[in-house]
Amino acid sequence: MSEFATEFAVSHQINKATFTAEVTGWLDGMEASMVLASSAKADLDEDNPVLQAENGEELRMLVLQGSDRPDALGFIHRIPDQEGRIWQTEAVWKRLETQEAVLRVRGQCLAADSLPFLPVPNKPFFIKAILQEGWARADGLLDVDERPHALPDNDDGLELAQAIIRGQASNRLPIVYVSVTDEDSPAIDSRNLERLAFALGGVAHVVVEPSRSFSFDLANRLNARTAMAEPLA
């Protein structure tokens, strides 16, 4: 078994209808999926429905109902491929007591037969859809985004960078910190920075320093060389 997983803060004002719409929209865009065509979408209005297709694909929707609205919503989707593998995606939206909520997403590649190698699942498009819908909420001092976070070249940027280096800037997601080279440009070119942030949206934050002098100022504030480590190749 190989696995992908992430968790980040989202809106606590999600209901069954909006969650189900995101799931069905994701499956409608999946070329190999047949589970919605095999059953009427009206079946999804039932309590904890289970939809199955002839190709072995399965969708299970789960609702944990609170007193006035759901406390948790989730789904498990399983689809086999021609290589004897089963691709399973799970997502759970959970409302917390602090007027916050989290979304947990896990993807697994399971072996239906004995296989020598199982690929690691990619980030499911479901996460991208959630971000595009504006469900994500701030993760500590950083917004959950599919674009790089450019640190401002001022005291506010230095304060944020200090919090990042000290592990105080985010609550759930890790941070990829991109410093600059002696040529005063990011260690990763702009195109690859955009691609990296896009790939890690909902999985990790990508933060970029504005200048080499910023690195020196940050190191002086921290009384350490932490922020001036060797740039990425």
Protein backbone atom coordinates (compact mmCIF):
# COMPACT_ATOMS: atom_id res chain seq x y z
CA MET A 1 0.00 0.00 0.00
CA SER A 2 1.19 3.53 -0.80
CA GLU A 3 -0.45 6.66 0.52
CA PHE A 4 -0.99 10.40 0.13
CA ALA A 5 -2.53 12.48 2.94
CA THR A 6 -3.10 16.08 3.95
CA GLU A 7 -5.22 18.17 6.32
CA PHE A 8 -6.01 21.88 6.36
CA ALA A 9 -8.52 24.34 7.80
CA VAL A 10 -11.71 25.03 5.86
CA SER A 11 -15.00 26.83 6.34
CA HIS A 12 -17.21 25.44 9.11
CA GLN A 13 -20.34 26.48 7.15
CA ILE A 14 -20.47 23.45 4.87
CA ASN A 15 -23.60 21.35 4.49
CA LYS A 16 -24.40 18.01 2.93
CA ALA A 17 -25.60 19.52 -0.35
CA THR A 18 -22.46 21.57 -0.99
CA PHE A 19 -20.18 18.70 0.02
CA THR A 20 -22.03 16.24 -2.21
CA ALA A 21 -21.89 18.70 -5.12
CA GLU A 22 -18.09 18.88 -4.83
CA VAL A 23 -17.80 15.10 -4.75
CA THR A 24 -20.05 14.57 -7.78
CA GLY A 25 -18.31 17.37 -9.68
CA TRP A 26 -14.97 15.68 -9.01
CA LEU A 27 -16.27 12.30 -10.19
CA ASP A 28 -17.93 13.80 -13.28
CA GLY A 29 -14.50 15.02 -14.34
CA MET A 30 -12.90 11.58 -13.87
CA GLU A 31 -12.88 9.89 -17.26
CA ALA A 32 -12.75 6.34 -15.90
CA SER A 33 -15.52 6.84 -13.34
CA MET A 34 -18.84 5.11 -14.00
CA VAL A 35 -20.41 5.12 -10.55
CA LEU A 36 -22.67 8.13 -11.09
CA ALA A 37 -23.86 6.85 -14.45
CA SER A 38 -24.84 3.53 -12.88
CA SER A 39 -27.13 5.08 -10.25
CA ALA A 40 -29.43 8.05 -10.16
CA LYS A 41 -27.80 11.03 -8.44
CA ALA A 42 -31.00 11.30 -6.43
CA ASP A 43 -29.75 8.26 -4.50
CA LEU A 44 -27.17 10.57 -2.94
CA ASP A 45 -29.97 12.28 -1.03
CA GLU A 46 -30.39 9.15 1.07
CA ASP A 47 -28.68 8.71 4.43
CA ASN A 48 -25.15 7.35 3.96
CA PRO A 49 -25.74 6.10 0.37
CA VAL A 50 -23.58 3.48 -1.30
CA LEU A 51 -23.29 3.57 -5.11
CA GLN A 52 -21.67 0.77 -7.10
CA ALA A 53 -20.81 0.33 -10.76
CA GLU A 54 -20.34 -2.82 -12.82
CA ASN A 55 -16.60 -2.19 -13.12
CA GLY A 56 -16.20 -2.56 -9.34
CA GLU A 57 -16.11 1.17 -8.62
CA GLU A 58 -17.78 2.20 -5.36
CA LEU A 59 -18.75 5.44 -3.66
CA ARG A 60 -19.81 5.63 -0.03
CA MET A 61 -21.08 8.91 1.42
CA LEU A 62 -21.08 9.39 5.18
CA VAL A 63 -22.86 11.93 7.39
CA LEU A 64 -22.53 12.41 11.14
CA GLN A 65 -25.47 14.62 12.00
CA GLY A 66 -25.27 17.15 14.81
CA SER A 67 -28.19 18.81 16.58
CA ASP A 68 -28.76 21.47 13.91
CA ARG A 69 -26.24 20.69 11.15
CA PRO A 70 -23.67 18.01 10.30
CA ASP A 71 -20.69 17.53 12.60
CA ALA A 72 -18.86 15.55 9.91
CA LEU A 73 -19.25 14.74 6.21
CA GLY A 74 -17.17 12.29 4.28
CA PHE A 75 -16.81 9.90 1.39
CA ILE A 76 -14.82 6.86 0.37
CA HIS A 77 -14.30 6.27 -3.34
CA ARG A 78 -12.70 3.10 -4.70
CA ILE A 79 -11.97 2.43 -8.36
CA PRO A 80 -9.98 -0.49 -9.84
CA ASP A 81 -7.63 -0.21 -12.79
CA GLN A 82 -6.44 -2.68 -15.42
CA GLU A 83 -3.18 -3.34 -13.54
CA GLY A 84 -4.90 -5.06 -10.61
CA ARG A 85 -4.71 -2.00 -8.37
CA ILE A 86 -7.45 -0.22 -6.44
CA TRP A 87 -7.27 3.57 -6.11
CA GLN A 88 -9.01 4.70 -2.96
CA THR A 89 -9.72 8.32 -2.02
CA GLU A 90 -11.16 9.34 1.34
CA ALA A 91 -12.14 12.80 2.53
CA VAL A 92 -13.66 13.94 5.81
CA TRP A 93 -14.89 17.42 6.66
CA LYS A 94 -15.15 17.79 10.43
CA ARG A 95 -16.60 20.72 12.33
CA LEU A 96 -14.64 21.65 15.45
CA GLU A 97 -15.92 23.22 18.66
CA THR A 98 -14.03 26.45 17.96
CA GLN A 99 -16.22 27.56 15.02
CA GLU A 100 -13.59 26.06 12.74
CA ALA A 101 -13.44 22.97 10.58
CA VAL A 102 -10.79 20.82 8.96
CA LEU A 103 -10.70 18.80 5.77
CA ARG A 104 -8.70 15.60 5.79
CA VAL A 105 -7.96 13.90 2.49
CA ARG A 106 -6.18 10.60 1.97
CA GLY A 107 -5.40 8.71 -1.21
CA GLN A 108 -4.22 5.11 -1.29
CA CYS A 109 -3.07 2.69 -3.94
CA LEU A 110 -4.02 -0.83 -2.88
CA ALA A 111 -3.03 -4.10 -4.50
CA ALA A 112 -5.96 -6.30 -5.52
CA ASP A 113 -3.38 -8.92 -6.56
CA SER A 114 0.27 -9.49 -5.69
CA LEU A 115 2.18 -6.64 -7.34
CA PRO A 116 5.90 -5.80 -7.03
CA PHE A 117 5.38 -2.02 -7.07
CA LEU A 118 2.62 0.39 -6.08
CA PRO A 119 2.86 4.04 -7.19
CA VAL A 120 2.24 6.81 -4.67
CA PRO A 121 -1.13 8.47 -5.37
CA ASN A 122 -1.07 12.04 -6.64
CA LYS A 123 -2.92 14.87 -4.94
CA PRO A 124 -6.55 14.32 -5.97
CA PHE A 125 -8.24 17.00 -8.07
CA PHE A 126 -10.87 17.12 -5.30
CA ILE A 127 -8.43 19.29 -3.27
CA LYS A 128 -7.98 21.72 -6.14
CA ALA A 129 -11.77 22.01 -6.49
CA ILE A 130 -12.09 22.77 -2.77
CA LEU A 131 -9.46 25.52 -3.00
CA GLN A 132 -11.12 27.00 -6.08
CA GLU A 133 -14.45 27.09 -4.25
CA GLY A 134 -12.85 29.17 -1.49
CA TRP A 135 -13.39 26.65 1.29
CA ALA A 136 -9.85 26.97 2.66
CA ARG A 137 -9.16 29.10 5.72
CA ALA A 138 -5.90 30.51 7.06
CA ASP A 139 -3.38 28.01 8.37
CA GLY A 140 -1.87 30.03 11.18
CA LEU A 141 -0.26 33.09 9.58
CA LEU A 142 -0.48 31.77 6.00
CA ASP A 143 -3.37 31.31 3.59
CA VAL A 144 -3.77 27.89 1.99
CA ASP A 145 -3.08 28.64 -1.67
CA GLU A 146 -1.85 27.18 -4.95
CA ARG A 147 0.41 30.19 -5.52
CA PRO A 148 3.74 31.07 -3.90
CA HIS A 149 3.67 33.38 -0.88
CA ALA A 150 5.99 36.31 -1.62
CA LEU A 151 7.37 37.77 1.60
CA PRO A 152 7.26 41.59 1.63
CA ASP A 153 10.68 43.24 1.85
CA ASN A 154 9.95 45.07 5.09
CA ASP A 155 9.59 44.53 8.84
CA ASP A 156 6.30 42.67 8.41
CA GLY A 157 7.99 40.24 6.06
CA LEU A 158 10.86 39.75 8.49
CA GLU A 159 8.44 39.10 11.35
CA LEU A 160 6.65 36.47 9.28
CA ALA A 161 9.93 34.89 8.18
CA GLN A 162 11.05 34.66 11.81
CA ALA A 163 7.83 32.87 12.69
CA ILE A 164 8.38 30.46 9.77
CA ILE A 165 11.94 29.63 10.79
CA ARG A 166 10.85 29.10 14.40
CA GLY A 167 7.99 26.81 13.36
CA GLN A 168 5.32 29.23 14.55
CA ALA A 169 3.72 30.30 11.26
CA SER A 170 1.45 27.35 10.42
CA ASN A 171 -0.74 24.98 12.38
CA ARG A 172 -1.04 22.00 10.05
CA LEU A 173 0.80 22.27 6.74
CA PRO A 174 4.59 22.21 6.32
CA ILE A 175 6.38 25.14 4.68
CA VAL A 176 8.79 25.11 1.75
CA TYR A 177 11.02 28.16 2.29
CA VAL A 178 12.76 29.39 -0.87
CA SER A 179 15.72 31.68 -0.27
CA VAL A 180 17.58 33.73 -2.88
CA THR A 181 20.96 33.35 -4.52
CA ASP A 182 23.87 35.77 -4.57
CA GLU A 183 22.39 37.10 -7.83
CA ASP A 184 19.41 38.33 -5.77
CA SER A 185 16.96 36.00 -7.46
CA PRO A 186 15.01 33.04 -6.04
CA ALA A 187 16.84 29.73 -5.99
CA ILE A 188 14.00 28.35 -8.14
CA ASP A 189 12.97 30.18 -11.31
CA SER A 190 9.52 31.77 -11.39
CA ARG A 191 7.98 29.16 -13.67
CA ASN A 192 9.05 26.27 -11.48
CA LEU A 193 8.02 28.20 -8.36
CA GLU A 194 4.51 28.49 -9.76
CA ARG A 195 4.48 24.81 -10.66
CA LEU A 196 5.75 23.82 -7.22
CA ALA A 197 3.15 25.91 -5.40
CA PHE A 198 0.42 24.56 -7.69
CA ALA A 199 1.46 20.96 -7.02
CA LEU A 200 1.64 21.56 -3.25
CA GLY A 201 -1.58 23.58 -2.90
CA GLY A 202 -3.38 22.14 0.14
CA VAL A 203 -0.31 20.04 0.97
CA ALA A 204 2.36 22.61 1.87
CA HIS A 205 2.98 26.36 1.74
CA VAL A 206 5.64 27.72 -0.63
CA VAL A 207 7.20 30.93 0.71
CA VAL A 208 9.71 33.04 -1.23
CA GLU A 209 12.21 35.59 0.11
CA PRO A 210 12.33 38.97 -1.64
CA SER A 211 16.08 39.62 -1.66
CA ARG A 212 19.50 38.52 -0.44
CA SER A 213 19.67 41.50 1.92
CA PHE A 214 16.44 40.19 3.46
CA SER A 215 18.27 36.91 4.19
CA PHE A 216 21.07 38.80 5.97
CA ASP A 217 18.61 40.87 7.99
CA LEU A 218 16.71 37.74 8.97
CA ALA A 219 19.89 35.93 9.98
CA ASN A 220 20.90 38.91 12.13
CA ARG A 221 17.52 38.94 13.84
CA LEU A 222 17.74 35.22 14.52
CA ASN A 223 21.41 35.42 15.47
CA ALA A 224 21.92 32.37 13.29
CA ARG A 225 22.61 31.29 9.71
CA THR A 226 19.40 29.24 9.49
CA ALA A 227 17.73 31.38 6.84
CA MET A 228 20.91 31.59 4.77
CA ALA A 229 21.38 27.90 4.13
CA GLU A 230 22.71 26.81 0.76
CA PRO A 231 20.10 27.56 -1.96
CA LEU A 232 18.29 24.72 -3.69
CA ALA A 233 19.95 23.41 -6.82
